[in-house]
Amino acid sequence: MVTMTVPSFPPEFPWEPSRPEPRRDPLDLPQRGPQEGPSAADLLFDRRIVLANGWIDGELATDLSARLIMLDGGGDEPIALHLRAPDADLEAAFAVADTMGILSCPVNVVVIGQAGGPALLILAAGRSREMTPHATLLLTEPRAESGGAASDVAIHEEAYRRKVDAFYIRLAEVTGREVDEIRDDAREGRMFTAEQAREYGLIDAIAGNRS
């Protein structure tokens, strides 16, 4: 009978080799640990800045509205909403705009890229409305999406037309232009530079150019 002796390893040589820590992308902000500094979103939030970036659907509208309400409850200082949304769901845009309308503190909107379609409702809801010099606005008619039974489609289309009318009325109130003029421009898909948007009445000023 052969007896085998298992060698004893010193503490610096464990049975299982140590595994390297997984490499983390430094830009992957949501994975920050408790010992790390605040994320970019946290820093913006602490400065009362909310970023609305990309297609604004129902989920993003809920998140934006929640952030605005939280900041409204945290002080009376103005909130800066930086808008970069080439398009949006009509109901989602109304939800954010309506939330802005019931806050006690002002929300100042700055377009930092391109904003268009129903996202212009969010711009119109700002206490002040600005664009960076190279930002653009695209005035287009909101798109309708419907399906199902014919009766349901008819009801949906009627509700859609009322909301589209409200969209144009809101832009008319802000710009001082006629509803029919804005509707015609939207159907043509009119693009605005910052200076053109200021002349049209969609914004108050160009950011960095107070003249």
N, C-alpha and C. Protein backbone atom coordinates (compact mmCIF):
# COMPACT_ATOMS: atom_id res chain seq x y z
N MET A 1 0.85 -1.20 0.00
CA MET A 1 0.00 0.00 0.00
C MET A 1 0.88 1.25 0.00
N VAL A 2 0.61 2.12 -0.95
CA VAL A 2 1.43 3.32 -1.10
C VAL A 2 0.72 4.50 -0.45
N THR A 3 1.42 5.18 0.39
CA THR A 3 0.85 6.34 1.07
C THR A 3 1.40 7.61 0.43
N MET A 4 0.48 8.50 -0.02
CA MET A 4 0.88 9.76 -0.65
C MET A 4 0.70 10.89 0.34
N THR A 5 1.66 11.70 0.35
CA THR A 5 1.63 12.86 1.24
C THR A 5 1.29 14.10 0.42
N VAL A 6 0.21 14.78 0.79
CA VAL A 6 -0.20 16.00 0.09
C VAL A 6 0.64 17.15 0.60
N PRO A 7 1.37 17.79 -0.27
CA PRO A 7 2.22 18.90 0.20
C PRO A 7 1.37 20.05 0.73
N SER A 8 1.88 20.67 1.75
CA SER A 8 1.18 21.83 2.32
C SER A 8 1.74 23.09 1.68
N PHE A 9 0.83 23.94 1.23
CA PHE A 9 1.24 25.19 0.58
C PHE A 9 1.23 26.31 1.61
N PRO A 10 2.18 27.18 1.51
CA PRO A 10 2.15 28.35 2.40
C PRO A 10 0.98 29.24 2.06
N PRO A 11 0.65 30.17 2.95
CA PRO A 11 -0.53 31.01 2.73
C PRO A 11 -0.49 31.79 1.43
N GLU A 12 0.75 32.11 0.95
CA GLU A 12 0.80 32.91 -0.26
C GLU A 12 0.50 32.11 -1.51
N PHE A 13 0.32 30.78 -1.39
CA PHE A 13 -0.03 29.94 -2.53
C PHE A 13 -1.34 29.21 -2.25
N PRO A 14 -2.48 29.84 -2.45
CA PRO A 14 -3.76 29.18 -2.20
C PRO A 14 -4.02 28.11 -3.23
N TRP A 15 -4.97 27.21 -2.90
CA TRP A 15 -5.31 26.14 -3.83
C TRP A 15 -5.87 26.71 -5.13
N GLU A 16 -6.69 27.74 -5.04
CA GLU A 16 -7.26 28.34 -6.24
C GLU A 16 -6.54 29.64 -6.55
N PRO A 17 -6.03 29.76 -7.76
CA PRO A 17 -5.33 31.01 -8.11
C PRO A 17 -6.30 32.18 -8.07
N SER A 18 -5.80 33.32 -7.67
CA SER A 18 -6.65 34.51 -7.61
C SER A 18 -7.05 34.94 -9.01
N ARG A 19 -8.29 35.41 -9.14
CA ARG A 19 -8.80 35.85 -10.43
C ARG A 19 -8.68 37.37 -10.54
N PRO A 20 -8.25 37.84 -11.69
CA PRO A 20 -8.14 39.31 -11.84
C PRO A 20 -9.51 39.96 -11.79
N GLU A 21 -9.54 41.17 -11.29
CA GLU A 21 -10.79 41.91 -11.23
C GLU A 21 -11.26 42.20 -12.65
N PRO A 22 -12.57 42.07 -12.90
CA PRO A 22 -13.06 42.36 -14.25
C PRO A 22 -12.80 43.81 -14.61
N ARG A 23 -12.44 44.01 -15.85
CA ARG A 23 -12.13 45.35 -16.34
C ARG A 23 -13.43 46.11 -16.57
N ARG A 24 -13.50 47.29 -16.00
CA ARG A 24 -14.72 48.09 -16.12
C ARG A 24 -14.48 49.28 -17.04
N ASP A 25 -15.40 49.47 -17.93
CA ASP A 25 -15.33 50.63 -18.82
C ASP A 25 -15.45 51.90 -17.98
N PRO A 26 -14.48 52.82 -18.08
CA PRO A 26 -14.57 54.04 -17.25
C PRO A 26 -15.76 54.91 -17.58
N LEU A 27 -16.37 54.70 -18.76
CA LEU A 27 -17.55 55.48 -19.12
C LEU A 27 -18.84 54.80 -18.72
N ASP A 28 -18.77 53.62 -18.14
CA ASP A 28 -19.97 52.89 -17.73
C ASP A 28 -20.41 53.42 -16.38
N LEU A 29 -21.03 54.57 -16.39
CA LEU A 29 -21.32 55.28 -15.15
C LEU A 29 -22.25 54.55 -14.19
N PRO A 30 -23.27 53.79 -14.66
CA PRO A 30 -24.18 53.16 -13.70
C PRO A 30 -23.52 52.14 -12.78
N GLN A 31 -22.30 51.63 -13.09
CA GLN A 31 -21.68 50.59 -12.29
C GLN A 31 -20.74 51.14 -11.22
N ARG A 32 -20.87 52.39 -10.88
CA ARG A 32 -19.98 52.97 -9.89
C ARG A 32 -20.21 52.34 -8.52
N GLY A 33 -19.09 52.12 -7.81
CA GLY A 33 -19.16 51.53 -6.49
C GLY A 33 -19.36 52.59 -5.42
N PRO A 34 -19.57 52.17 -4.18
CA PRO A 34 -19.85 53.12 -3.11
C PRO A 34 -18.68 54.04 -2.80
N GLN A 35 -17.43 53.62 -3.15
CA GLN A 35 -16.27 54.43 -2.84
C GLN A 35 -15.92 55.39 -3.96
N GLU A 36 -16.61 55.30 -5.08
CA GLU A 36 -16.31 56.17 -6.22
C GLU A 36 -17.09 57.47 -6.11
N GLY A 37 -16.66 58.44 -6.93
CA GLY A 37 -17.29 59.75 -6.92
C GLY A 37 -18.66 59.71 -7.59
N PRO A 38 -19.38 60.81 -7.54
CA PRO A 38 -20.72 60.87 -8.14
C PRO A 38 -20.65 60.75 -9.65
N SER A 39 -21.72 60.22 -10.24
CA SER A 39 -21.79 60.07 -11.69
C SER A 39 -22.06 61.41 -12.34
N ALA A 40 -21.92 61.44 -13.68
CA ALA A 40 -22.20 62.67 -14.41
C ALA A 40 -23.65 63.10 -14.22
N ALA A 41 -24.58 62.11 -14.23
CA ALA A 41 -25.99 62.43 -14.03
C ALA A 41 -26.22 63.02 -12.64
N ASP A 42 -25.51 62.48 -11.64
CA ASP A 42 -25.64 63.01 -10.29
C ASP A 42 -25.14 64.45 -10.21
N LEU A 43 -24.01 64.70 -10.88
CA LEU A 43 -23.46 66.05 -10.86
C LEU A 43 -24.40 67.04 -11.52
N LEU A 44 -25.00 66.62 -12.66
CA LEU A 44 -25.96 67.50 -13.33
C LEU A 44 -27.17 67.73 -12.45
N PHE A 45 -27.66 66.66 -11.83
CA PHE A 45 -28.84 66.78 -10.97
C PHE A 45 -28.57 67.72 -9.80
N ASP A 46 -27.37 67.61 -9.22
CA ASP A 46 -27.02 68.48 -8.10
C ASP A 46 -26.96 69.94 -8.53
N ARG A 47 -26.71 70.17 -9.80
CA ARG A 47 -26.67 71.55 -10.32
C ARG A 47 -28.02 71.95 -10.91
N ARG A 48 -29.03 71.14 -10.66
CA ARG A 48 -30.40 71.39 -11.12
C ARG A 48 -30.48 71.44 -12.65
N ILE A 49 -29.80 70.50 -13.26
CA ILE A 49 -29.82 70.34 -14.71
C ILE A 49 -30.40 68.98 -15.04
N VAL A 50 -31.37 68.95 -15.96
CA VAL A 50 -31.97 67.70 -16.43
C VAL A 50 -31.70 67.59 -17.93
N LEU A 51 -31.23 66.42 -18.35
CA LEU A 51 -30.92 66.20 -19.76
C LEU A 51 -32.00 65.35 -20.40
N ALA A 52 -32.65 65.88 -21.44
CA ALA A 52 -33.65 65.13 -22.21
C ALA A 52 -33.01 64.80 -23.56
N ASN A 53 -32.55 63.58 -23.69
CA ASN A 53 -31.74 63.20 -24.84
C ASN A 53 -32.36 62.01 -25.57
N GLY A 54 -32.60 62.16 -26.87
CA GLY A 54 -33.12 61.05 -27.67
C GLY A 54 -34.62 61.10 -27.84
N TRP A 55 -35.14 60.02 -28.43
CA TRP A 55 -36.59 59.90 -28.67
C TRP A 55 -37.31 59.91 -27.32
N ILE A 56 -38.26 60.82 -27.17
CA ILE A 56 -38.98 60.94 -25.91
C ILE A 56 -40.26 60.11 -26.00
N ASP A 57 -40.23 58.96 -25.38
CA ASP A 57 -41.39 58.09 -25.33
C ASP A 57 -42.00 58.15 -23.94
N GLY A 58 -42.96 57.29 -23.66
CA GLY A 58 -43.63 57.32 -22.37
C GLY A 58 -42.70 57.07 -21.21
N GLU A 59 -41.76 56.14 -21.37
CA GLU A 59 -40.85 55.81 -20.28
C GLU A 59 -39.92 56.97 -19.96
N LEU A 60 -39.34 57.58 -21.00
CA LEU A 60 -38.45 58.71 -20.77
C LEU A 60 -39.23 59.90 -20.23
N ALA A 61 -40.46 60.09 -20.70
CA ALA A 61 -41.28 61.19 -20.19
C ALA A 61 -41.54 61.03 -18.69
N THR A 62 -41.80 59.80 -18.26
CA THR A 62 -42.01 59.55 -16.84
C THR A 62 -40.77 59.87 -16.03
N ASP A 63 -39.60 59.47 -16.55
CA ASP A 63 -38.35 59.74 -15.86
C ASP A 63 -38.07 61.24 -15.79
N LEU A 64 -38.27 61.94 -16.90
CA LEU A 64 -38.04 63.38 -16.91
C LEU A 64 -38.98 64.10 -15.94
N SER A 65 -40.25 63.71 -15.97
CA SER A 65 -41.23 64.34 -15.08
C SER A 65 -40.87 64.11 -13.61
N ALA A 66 -40.42 62.89 -13.30
CA ALA A 66 -40.04 62.58 -11.92
C ALA A 66 -38.84 63.42 -11.48
N ARG A 67 -37.86 63.57 -12.36
CA ARG A 67 -36.69 64.38 -12.01
C ARG A 67 -37.08 65.85 -11.78
N LEU A 68 -37.94 66.35 -12.64
CA LEU A 68 -38.37 67.74 -12.50
C LEU A 68 -39.12 67.96 -11.19
N ILE A 69 -39.99 67.01 -10.86
CA ILE A 69 -40.76 67.13 -9.62
C ILE A 69 -39.85 67.06 -8.40
N MET A 70 -38.85 66.18 -8.45
CA MET A 70 -37.91 66.06 -7.34
C MET A 70 -37.12 67.36 -7.15
N LEU A 71 -36.66 67.94 -8.24
CA LEU A 71 -35.92 69.19 -8.14
C LEU A 71 -36.82 70.33 -7.68
N ASP A 72 -38.07 70.31 -8.11
CA ASP A 72 -39.01 71.34 -7.69
C ASP A 72 -39.22 71.30 -6.19
N GLY A 73 -39.23 70.09 -5.63
CA GLY A 73 -39.40 69.96 -4.19
C GLY A 73 -38.14 70.26 -3.41
N GLY A 74 -37.01 70.38 -4.11
CA GLY A 74 -35.75 70.61 -3.42
C GLY A 74 -35.30 72.05 -3.37
N GLY A 75 -36.08 72.96 -3.90
CA GLY A 75 -35.68 74.37 -3.86
C GLY A 75 -36.45 75.19 -4.87
N ASP A 76 -36.27 76.51 -4.77
CA ASP A 76 -36.98 77.43 -5.65
C ASP A 76 -36.13 77.92 -6.81
N GLU A 77 -34.86 77.52 -6.86
CA GLU A 77 -34.00 77.98 -7.92
C GLU A 77 -34.44 77.39 -9.27
N PRO A 78 -34.17 78.10 -10.37
CA PRO A 78 -34.58 77.59 -11.68
C PRO A 78 -33.94 76.24 -12.01
N ILE A 79 -34.65 75.47 -12.81
CA ILE A 79 -34.16 74.20 -13.34
C ILE A 79 -33.78 74.42 -14.80
N ALA A 80 -32.64 73.89 -15.21
CA ALA A 80 -32.22 73.95 -16.60
C ALA A 80 -32.49 72.60 -17.25
N LEU A 81 -33.28 72.61 -18.31
CA LEU A 81 -33.57 71.39 -19.05
C LEU A 81 -32.86 71.48 -20.39
N HIS A 82 -31.88 70.62 -20.61
CA HIS A 82 -31.13 70.60 -21.86
C HIS A 82 -31.79 69.60 -22.80
N LEU A 83 -32.26 70.09 -23.93
CA LEU A 83 -33.10 69.30 -24.83
C LEU A 83 -32.34 68.94 -26.10
N ARG A 84 -32.29 67.64 -26.36
CA ARG A 84 -31.73 67.11 -27.61
C ARG A 84 -32.61 65.94 -28.02
N ALA A 85 -33.71 66.24 -28.68
CA ALA A 85 -34.73 65.24 -29.00
C ALA A 85 -35.27 65.50 -30.40
N PRO A 86 -34.73 64.83 -31.43
CA PRO A 86 -35.19 65.07 -32.80
C PRO A 86 -36.67 64.76 -33.01
N ASP A 87 -37.26 63.96 -32.13
CA ASP A 87 -38.68 63.64 -32.27
C ASP A 87 -39.18 63.12 -30.93
N ALA A 88 -40.50 62.97 -30.83
CA ALA A 88 -41.09 62.52 -29.57
C ALA A 88 -42.48 61.98 -29.83
N ASP A 89 -42.92 61.13 -28.93
CA ASP A 89 -44.32 60.72 -28.92
C ASP A 89 -45.16 61.91 -28.45
N LEU A 90 -46.28 62.15 -29.12
CA LEU A 90 -47.08 63.34 -28.84
C LEU A 90 -47.58 63.35 -27.40
N GLU A 91 -48.12 62.24 -26.93
CA GLU A 91 -48.63 62.19 -25.55
C GLU A 91 -47.51 62.33 -24.54
N ALA A 92 -46.36 61.73 -24.83
CA ALA A 92 -45.23 61.83 -23.91
C ALA A 92 -44.74 63.27 -23.81
N ALA A 93 -44.69 63.97 -24.94
CA ALA A 93 -44.26 65.37 -24.92
C ALA A 93 -45.25 66.23 -24.14
N PHE A 94 -46.53 65.98 -24.31
CA PHE A 94 -47.53 66.72 -23.53
C PHE A 94 -47.36 66.44 -22.04
N ALA A 95 -47.04 65.21 -21.69
CA ALA A 95 -46.88 64.87 -20.27
C ALA A 95 -45.76 65.67 -19.64
N VAL A 96 -44.62 65.78 -20.33
CA VAL A 96 -43.50 66.55 -19.79
C VAL A 96 -43.85 68.03 -19.74
N ALA A 97 -44.45 68.54 -20.82
CA ALA A 97 -44.82 69.96 -20.86
C ALA A 97 -45.83 70.30 -19.77
N ASP A 98 -46.80 69.43 -19.55
CA ASP A 98 -47.80 69.68 -18.51
C ASP A 98 -47.16 69.65 -17.12
N THR A 99 -46.20 68.75 -16.92
CA THR A 99 -45.48 68.70 -15.64
C THR A 99 -44.74 70.00 -15.40
N MET A 100 -44.08 70.50 -16.44
CA MET A 100 -43.36 71.77 -16.32
C MET A 100 -44.31 72.91 -15.95
N GLY A 101 -45.54 72.82 -16.43
CA GLY A 101 -46.49 73.88 -16.19
C GLY A 101 -47.02 73.96 -14.77
N ILE A 102 -46.90 72.86 -14.01
CA ILE A 102 -47.42 72.86 -12.64
C ILE A 102 -46.34 73.01 -11.59
N LEU A 103 -45.10 73.12 -12.00
CA LEU A 103 -44.02 73.28 -11.03
C LEU A 103 -44.02 74.69 -10.46
N SER A 104 -43.54 74.82 -9.24
CA SER A 104 -43.48 76.13 -8.61
C SER A 104 -42.23 76.90 -9.03
N CYS A 105 -41.18 76.20 -9.42
CA CYS A 105 -39.96 76.89 -9.85
C CYS A 105 -39.89 76.90 -11.38
N PRO A 106 -39.24 77.89 -11.97
CA PRO A 106 -39.19 77.98 -13.44
C PRO A 106 -38.26 76.93 -14.03
N VAL A 107 -38.59 76.51 -15.26
CA VAL A 107 -37.75 75.58 -16.01
C VAL A 107 -37.28 76.31 -17.26
N ASN A 108 -35.98 76.48 -17.39
CA ASN A 108 -35.39 77.13 -18.54
C ASN A 108 -34.86 76.07 -19.50
N VAL A 109 -35.33 76.10 -20.74
CA VAL A 109 -34.99 75.07 -21.72
C VAL A 109 -33.90 75.59 -22.65
N VAL A 110 -32.89 74.74 -22.88
CA VAL A 110 -31.81 75.05 -23.81
C VAL A 110 -31.70 73.89 -24.80
N VAL A 111 -31.88 74.17 -26.09
CA VAL A 111 -31.71 73.14 -27.12
C VAL A 111 -30.22 73.03 -27.41
N ILE A 112 -29.66 71.83 -27.25
CA ILE A 112 -28.21 71.65 -27.39
C ILE A 112 -27.84 70.83 -28.61
N GLY A 113 -28.81 70.37 -29.36
CA GLY A 113 -28.52 69.61 -30.57
C GLY A 113 -29.61 69.88 -31.58
N GLN A 114 -30.42 68.88 -31.84
CA GLN A 114 -31.60 69.08 -32.68
C GLN A 114 -32.84 68.68 -31.89
N ALA A 115 -33.87 69.48 -32.01
CA ALA A 115 -35.16 69.16 -31.42
C ALA A 115 -36.21 69.32 -32.51
N GLY A 116 -37.21 68.44 -32.49
CA GLY A 116 -38.21 68.53 -33.53
C GLY A 116 -39.49 67.80 -33.17
N GLY A 117 -40.49 67.95 -34.05
CA GLY A 117 -41.77 67.28 -33.84
C GLY A 117 -42.40 67.69 -32.52
N PRO A 118 -43.09 66.76 -31.86
CA PRO A 118 -43.74 67.08 -30.58
C PRO A 118 -42.79 67.53 -29.49
N ALA A 119 -41.48 67.26 -29.63
CA ALA A 119 -40.53 67.71 -28.62
C ALA A 119 -40.53 69.23 -28.50
N LEU A 120 -41.02 69.92 -29.53
CA LEU A 120 -41.11 71.38 -29.46
C LEU A 120 -42.10 71.83 -28.39
N LEU A 121 -43.02 70.94 -27.98
CA LEU A 121 -43.91 71.27 -26.87
C LEU A 121 -43.11 71.50 -25.59
N ILE A 122 -42.08 70.70 -25.39
CA ILE A 122 -41.25 70.84 -24.19
C ILE A 122 -40.50 72.16 -24.25
N LEU A 123 -39.99 72.49 -25.42
CA LEU A 123 -39.33 73.78 -25.59
C LEU A 123 -40.30 74.92 -25.29
N ALA A 124 -41.52 74.82 -25.83
CA ALA A 124 -42.51 75.88 -25.65
C ALA A 124 -42.92 76.04 -24.20
N ALA A 125 -42.80 74.99 -23.39
CA ALA A 125 -43.21 75.06 -21.98
C ALA A 125 -42.18 75.73 -21.09
N GLY A 126 -41.01 76.03 -21.62
CA GLY A 126 -39.96 76.64 -20.80
C GLY A 126 -40.26 78.07 -20.43
N ARG A 127 -39.82 78.46 -19.23
CA ARG A 127 -39.96 79.86 -18.82
C ARG A 127 -39.11 80.74 -19.73
N SER A 128 -37.90 80.27 -20.02
CA SER A 128 -37.07 80.88 -21.06
C SER A 128 -36.67 79.78 -22.03
N ARG A 129 -36.44 80.16 -23.28
CA ARG A 129 -36.16 79.19 -24.34
C ARG A 129 -34.95 79.65 -25.13
N GLU A 130 -33.91 78.82 -25.14
CA GLU A 130 -32.68 79.17 -25.83
C GLU A 130 -32.20 78.01 -26.69
N MET A 131 -31.29 78.32 -27.61
CA MET A 131 -30.61 77.32 -28.41
C MET A 131 -29.12 77.66 -28.42
N THR A 132 -28.29 76.63 -28.46
CA THR A 132 -26.88 76.87 -28.70
C THR A 132 -26.70 77.30 -30.15
N PRO A 133 -25.61 77.99 -30.48
CA PRO A 133 -25.48 78.58 -31.82
C PRO A 133 -25.61 77.59 -32.97
N HIS A 134 -25.21 76.34 -32.79
CA HIS A 134 -25.25 75.38 -33.89
C HIS A 134 -26.38 74.36 -33.77
N ALA A 135 -27.28 74.59 -32.85
CA ALA A 135 -28.44 73.70 -32.72
C ALA A 135 -29.45 74.01 -33.82
N THR A 136 -30.36 73.06 -34.05
CA THR A 136 -31.40 73.24 -35.08
C THR A 136 -32.74 72.77 -34.53
N LEU A 137 -33.80 73.33 -35.10
CA LEU A 137 -35.15 72.90 -34.80
C LEU A 137 -35.80 72.40 -36.09
N LEU A 138 -36.58 71.34 -35.97
CA LEU A 138 -37.30 70.80 -37.13
C LEU A 138 -38.79 70.80 -36.79
N LEU A 139 -39.52 71.66 -37.49
CA LEU A 139 -40.96 71.77 -37.27
C LEU A 139 -41.67 70.80 -38.21
N THR A 140 -42.22 69.72 -37.64
CA THR A 140 -42.93 68.72 -38.43
C THR A 140 -44.25 68.38 -37.74
N GLU A 141 -45.18 67.89 -38.51
CA GLU A 141 -46.46 67.49 -37.94
C GLU A 141 -46.30 66.17 -37.20
N PRO A 142 -46.85 66.06 -35.99
CA PRO A 142 -46.76 64.80 -35.25
C PRO A 142 -47.33 63.64 -36.04
N ARG A 143 -46.68 62.48 -35.90
CA ARG A 143 -47.11 61.30 -36.62
C ARG A 143 -48.14 60.52 -35.82
N ALA A 144 -49.15 60.01 -36.53
CA ALA A 144 -50.20 59.22 -35.87
C ALA A 144 -49.90 57.75 -36.04
N GLU A 145 -50.12 56.98 -34.98
CA GLU A 145 -49.99 55.52 -35.03
C GLU A 145 -51.26 54.92 -34.47
N SER A 146 -51.93 54.12 -35.28
CA SER A 146 -53.18 53.53 -34.83
C SER A 146 -53.31 52.13 -35.40
N GLY A 147 -54.15 51.36 -34.78
CA GLY A 147 -54.38 49.99 -35.23
C GLY A 147 -55.57 49.41 -34.50
N GLY A 148 -56.03 48.25 -34.93
CA GLY A 148 -57.15 47.61 -34.28
C GLY A 148 -58.41 47.70 -35.11
N ALA A 149 -59.54 47.56 -34.46
CA ALA A 149 -60.82 47.60 -35.15
C ALA A 149 -61.07 48.99 -35.74
N ALA A 150 -61.94 49.02 -36.77
CA ALA A 150 -62.20 50.27 -37.46
C ALA A 150 -62.78 51.32 -36.51
N SER A 151 -63.67 50.89 -35.61
CA SER A 151 -64.26 51.85 -34.67
C SER A 151 -63.20 52.41 -33.73
N ASP A 152 -62.27 51.55 -33.28
CA ASP A 152 -61.20 52.01 -32.40
C ASP A 152 -60.28 52.98 -33.14
N VAL A 153 -60.00 52.69 -34.40
CA VAL A 153 -59.15 53.57 -35.19
C VAL A 153 -59.79 54.94 -35.34
N ALA A 154 -61.09 54.98 -35.58
CA ALA A 154 -61.79 56.25 -35.74
C ALA A 154 -61.72 57.08 -34.47
N ILE A 155 -61.91 56.42 -33.32
CA ILE A 155 -61.82 57.13 -32.04
C ILE A 155 -60.41 57.65 -31.82
N HIS A 156 -59.43 56.83 -32.14
CA HIS A 156 -58.04 57.23 -31.96
C HIS A 156 -57.70 58.41 -32.85
N GLU A 157 -58.16 58.38 -34.09
CA GLU A 157 -57.86 59.46 -35.02
C GLU A 157 -58.49 60.77 -34.57
N GLU A 158 -59.68 60.72 -34.02
CA GLU A 158 -60.32 61.93 -33.53
C GLU A 158 -59.54 62.51 -32.36
N ALA A 159 -59.12 61.65 -31.44
CA ALA A 159 -58.33 62.12 -30.31
C ALA A 159 -56.98 62.67 -30.78
N TYR A 160 -56.41 62.01 -31.79
CA TYR A 160 -55.14 62.46 -32.33
C TYR A 160 -55.27 63.85 -32.94
N ARG A 161 -56.33 64.09 -33.71
CA ARG A 161 -56.52 65.40 -34.34
C ARG A 161 -56.65 66.50 -33.29
N ARG A 162 -57.35 66.20 -32.19
CA ARG A 162 -57.50 67.21 -31.14
C ARG A 162 -56.14 67.54 -30.51
N LYS A 163 -55.32 66.52 -30.31
CA LYS A 163 -54.01 66.76 -29.72
C LYS A 163 -53.08 67.49 -30.67
N VAL A 164 -53.18 67.19 -31.96
CA VAL A 164 -52.38 67.91 -32.94
C VAL A 164 -52.79 69.37 -32.99
N ASP A 165 -54.10 69.63 -32.92
CA ASP A 165 -54.58 71.01 -32.88
C ASP A 165 -54.03 71.73 -31.64
N ALA A 166 -54.03 71.03 -30.51
CA ALA A 166 -53.48 71.62 -29.29
C ALA A 166 -52.00 71.89 -29.43
N PHE A 167 -51.30 71.03 -30.15
CA PHE A 167 -49.87 71.22 -30.43
C PHE A 167 -49.65 72.53 -31.18
N TYR A 168 -50.42 72.75 -32.24
CA TYR A 168 -50.27 73.97 -33.03
C TYR A 168 -50.71 75.21 -32.25
N ILE A 169 -51.77 75.08 -31.48
CA ILE A 169 -52.23 76.21 -30.67
C ILE A 169 -51.17 76.64 -29.67
N ARG A 170 -50.52 75.65 -29.06
CA ARG A 170 -49.47 75.97 -28.08
C ARG A 170 -48.31 76.69 -28.75
N LEU A 171 -47.89 76.24 -29.93
CA LEU A 171 -46.79 76.91 -30.63
C LEU A 171 -47.22 78.31 -31.08
N ALA A 172 -48.49 78.46 -31.45
CA ALA A 172 -48.99 79.78 -31.84
C ALA A 172 -48.96 80.75 -30.67
N GLU A 173 -49.31 80.26 -29.47
CA GLU A 173 -49.28 81.11 -28.29
C GLU A 173 -47.88 81.60 -27.99
N VAL A 174 -46.90 80.75 -28.20
CA VAL A 174 -45.52 81.09 -27.89
C VAL A 174 -44.93 82.03 -28.93
N THR A 175 -45.19 81.74 -30.19
CA THR A 175 -44.55 82.51 -31.27
C THR A 175 -45.32 83.77 -31.65
N GLY A 176 -46.63 83.81 -31.35
CA GLY A 176 -47.45 84.93 -31.79
C GLY A 176 -47.87 84.83 -33.24
N ARG A 177 -47.69 83.66 -33.85
CA ARG A 177 -48.06 83.46 -35.25
C ARG A 177 -49.40 82.74 -35.35
N GLU A 178 -49.96 82.77 -36.54
CA GLU A 178 -51.24 82.12 -36.76
C GLU A 178 -51.07 80.59 -36.78
N VAL A 179 -52.11 79.91 -36.29
CA VAL A 179 -52.08 78.45 -36.27
C VAL A 179 -51.90 77.88 -37.67
N ASP A 180 -52.61 78.43 -38.65
CA ASP A 180 -52.53 77.91 -40.01
C ASP A 180 -51.13 78.07 -40.59
N GLU A 181 -50.47 79.16 -40.26
CA GLU A 181 -49.10 79.35 -40.74
C GLU A 181 -48.16 78.29 -40.18
N ILE A 182 -48.29 78.03 -38.88
CA ILE A 182 -47.44 77.01 -38.25
C ILE A 182 -47.76 75.63 -38.80
N ARG A 183 -49.03 75.35 -39.03
CA ARG A 183 -49.43 74.06 -39.57
C ARG A 183 -48.83 73.85 -40.98
N ASP A 184 -48.89 74.89 -41.81
CA ASP A 184 -48.34 74.79 -43.15
C ASP A 184 -46.82 74.56 -43.11
N ASP A 185 -46.14 75.28 -42.23
CA ASP A 185 -44.69 75.11 -42.10
C ASP A 185 -44.35 73.71 -41.61
N ALA A 186 -45.17 73.19 -40.70
CA ALA A 186 -44.92 71.84 -40.19
C ALA A 186 -45.10 70.78 -41.28
N ARG A 187 -46.11 70.94 -42.09
CA ARG A 187 -46.35 69.97 -43.16
C ARG A 187 -45.26 70.00 -44.21
N GLU A 188 -44.57 71.14 -44.33
CA GLU A 188 -43.43 71.24 -45.24
C GLU A 188 -42.14 70.74 -44.59
N GLY A 189 -42.17 70.51 -43.28
CA GLY A 189 -40.97 70.06 -42.57
C GLY A 189 -39.91 71.14 -42.52
N ARG A 190 -40.26 72.29 -41.99
CA ARG A 190 -39.34 73.44 -42.00
C ARG A 190 -38.25 73.30 -40.95
N MET A 191 -37.01 73.55 -41.38
CA MET A 191 -35.85 73.50 -40.49
C MET A 191 -35.44 74.92 -40.12
N PHE A 192 -35.05 75.10 -38.84
CA PHE A 192 -34.66 76.41 -38.35
C PHE A 192 -33.25 76.36 -37.76
N THR A 193 -32.43 77.31 -38.13
CA THR A 193 -31.20 77.55 -37.39
C THR A 193 -31.57 78.30 -36.12
N ALA A 194 -30.58 78.53 -35.28
CA ALA A 194 -30.85 79.25 -34.03
C ALA A 194 -31.36 80.66 -34.32
N GLU A 195 -30.75 81.34 -35.26
CA GLU A 195 -31.17 82.70 -35.57
C GLU A 195 -32.57 82.71 -36.18
N GLN A 196 -32.86 81.75 -37.08
CA GLN A 196 -34.18 81.68 -37.68
C GLN A 196 -35.25 81.35 -36.64
N ALA A 197 -34.92 80.47 -35.70
CA ALA A 197 -35.87 80.11 -34.65
C ALA A 197 -36.16 81.31 -33.75
N ARG A 198 -35.15 82.15 -33.52
CA ARG A 198 -35.37 83.35 -32.71
C ARG A 198 -36.29 84.33 -33.45
N GLU A 199 -36.06 84.50 -34.73
CA GLU A 199 -36.90 85.40 -35.51
C GLU A 199 -38.34 84.88 -35.62
N TYR A 200 -38.50 83.56 -35.67
CA TYR A 200 -39.82 82.95 -35.79
C TYR A 200 -40.59 83.03 -34.47
N GLY A 201 -39.85 83.15 -33.36
CA GLY A 201 -40.48 83.23 -32.05
C GLY A 201 -40.43 81.94 -31.26
N LEU A 202 -39.76 80.91 -31.79
CA LEU A 202 -39.69 79.64 -31.08
C LEU A 202 -38.75 79.70 -29.88
N ILE A 203 -37.76 80.57 -29.92
CA ILE A 203 -36.86 80.75 -28.79
C ILE A 203 -36.76 82.24 -28.47
N ASP A 204 -36.26 82.52 -27.26
CA ASP A 204 -36.06 83.91 -26.83
C ASP A 204 -34.70 84.42 -27.21
N ALA A 205 -33.70 83.54 -27.14
CA ALA A 205 -32.33 84.00 -27.33
C ALA A 205 -31.45 82.83 -27.76
N ILE A 206 -30.28 83.17 -28.27
CA ILE A 206 -29.25 82.19 -28.60
C ILE A 206 -28.29 82.13 -27.43
N ALA A 207 -28.03 80.96 -26.91
CA ALA A 207 -27.18 80.82 -25.72
C ALA A 207 -25.81 81.41 -25.97
N GLY A 208 -25.37 82.25 -25.06
CA GLY A 208 -24.08 82.89 -25.21
C GLY A 208 -24.14 84.18 -25.98
N ASN A 209 -25.32 84.52 -26.53
CA ASN A 209 -25.48 85.75 -27.30
C ASN A 209 -26.70 86.50 -26.77
N ARG A 210 -26.50 87.30 -25.74
CA ARG A 210 -27.60 87.97 -25.07
C ARG A 210 -28.12 89.19 -25.83
N SER A 211 -27.43 89.57 -26.92
CA SER A 211 -27.89 90.73 -27.68
C SER A 211 -29.14 90.44 -28.46
